[in-house]
Protein backbone atom coordinates (compact mmCIF):
# COMPACT_ATOMS: atom_id res chain seq x y z
CA MET A 1 84.50 168.34 114.04
CA THR A 2 80.91 166.93 113.31
CA ASN A 3 77.70 168.75 113.75
CA LYS A 4 75.55 167.59 116.74
CA THR A 5 72.25 167.73 115.10
CA ILE A 6 70.45 164.99 117.26
CA LYS A 7 69.40 165.06 120.73
CA VAL A 8 68.56 162.39 123.31
CA VAL A 9 64.92 163.38 124.46
CA ASN A 10 64.68 160.29 126.89
CA HIS A 11 65.74 156.70 127.52
CA TRP A 12 64.26 153.79 129.32
CA PHE A 13 65.57 150.46 130.74
CA ASN A 14 63.74 147.25 131.12
CA VAL A 15 63.23 145.74 134.48
CA ALA A 16 66.17 143.51 134.04
CA GLY A 17 68.27 146.23 132.99
CA ASP A 18 69.72 144.60 129.92
CA ALA A 19 67.84 146.54 127.16
CA GLU A 20 67.52 150.31 126.69
CA ILE A 21 64.94 152.20 124.40
CA VAL A 22 66.28 155.60 123.37
CA LEU A 23 64.11 158.57 122.01
CA LEU A 24 65.87 160.82 119.69
CA LYS A 25 64.97 164.35 118.23
CA SER A 26 66.31 166.33 115.39
CA LEU A 27 67.77 169.80 116.35
CA ASP A 28 67.88 171.07 112.77
CA GLY A 29 64.37 170.63 111.92
CA ARG A 30 64.78 167.57 109.57
CA GLU A 31 62.39 164.87 110.47
CA LEU A 32 64.02 161.60 111.58
CA VAL A 33 63.06 158.31 109.56
CA ASN A 34 62.95 156.56 113.01
CA ASN A 35 63.24 158.12 116.43
CA LEU A 36 63.04 155.15 118.94
CA PHE A 37 66.15 152.73 119.01
CA TRP A 38 66.36 149.48 120.99
CA TYR A 39 69.77 148.54 122.29
CA SER A 40 70.65 145.25 124.29
CA GLY A 41 73.53 143.79 126.17
CA ASP A 42 76.93 145.32 125.42
CA GLU A 43 75.40 147.53 122.55
CA ARG A 44 73.67 149.79 124.93
CA PRO A 45 74.97 153.36 124.55
CA PHE A 46 74.19 154.66 127.86
CA TRP A 47 73.43 158.19 126.60
CA ASN A 48 71.92 160.68 129.12
CA ARG A 49 68.91 162.85 128.55
CA GLY A 50 69.95 165.98 126.48
CA THR A 51 73.08 164.37 125.12
CA LYS A 52 73.66 166.00 121.62
CA LEU A 53 74.96 163.50 119.02
CA SER A 54 76.09 163.67 115.30
CA VAL A 55 74.38 161.35 112.69
CA ASP A 56 77.63 159.38 112.48
CA GLU A 57 77.66 158.92 116.25
CA VAL A 58 74.10 157.33 116.04
CA LYS A 59 75.08 155.20 113.02
CA ALA A 60 78.01 153.84 114.80
CA THR A 61 75.80 152.12 117.33
CA ARG A 62 74.09 148.61 116.80
CA CYS A 63 70.54 148.70 117.69
CA TYR A 64 68.35 145.66 117.23
CA LYS A 65 65.11 147.62 116.44
CA GLN A 66 64.14 151.19 115.21
CA THR A 67 60.67 152.56 114.88
CA LYS A 68 58.80 155.72 114.54
CA THR A 69 56.52 157.15 117.43
CA GLN A 70 52.96 157.70 116.43
CA PRO A 71 50.77 160.36 117.88
CA THR A 72 47.78 159.21 119.85
CA GLU A 73 45.48 162.00 118.72
CA PRO A 74 44.22 160.17 115.55
CA ASP A 75 42.98 157.32 117.64
CA ILE A 76 40.70 159.35 119.90
CA PRO A 77 37.47 160.52 118.13
CA ASN A 78 36.24 163.99 118.46
CA ASP A 79 32.86 162.86 120.07
CA CYS A 80 34.44 160.70 122.78
CA TYR A 81 34.00 161.76 126.31
CA MET A 82 34.68 160.02 129.87
CA ALA A 83 31.99 160.09 132.47
CA LEU A 84 33.11 161.77 135.65
CA ILE A 85 30.86 159.75 137.89
């Protein structure tokens, strides 16, 4: 039995329903190199939110794109404010 060290945080489908984006999270504290995976057509895994996976299960899928999510905080200056009027 393999260790389930990755969790599906969320997933989204495009409007046409032929592509899926999956957000993954490590459960053992290790940082994932990439945590957003794009799948299309018959390669879509259809994992539900909360599904726990092993590294081998993720590697067995065929995504067409992988990226790392970036926090938005560095993009917002400390002296930035929004007018309430």
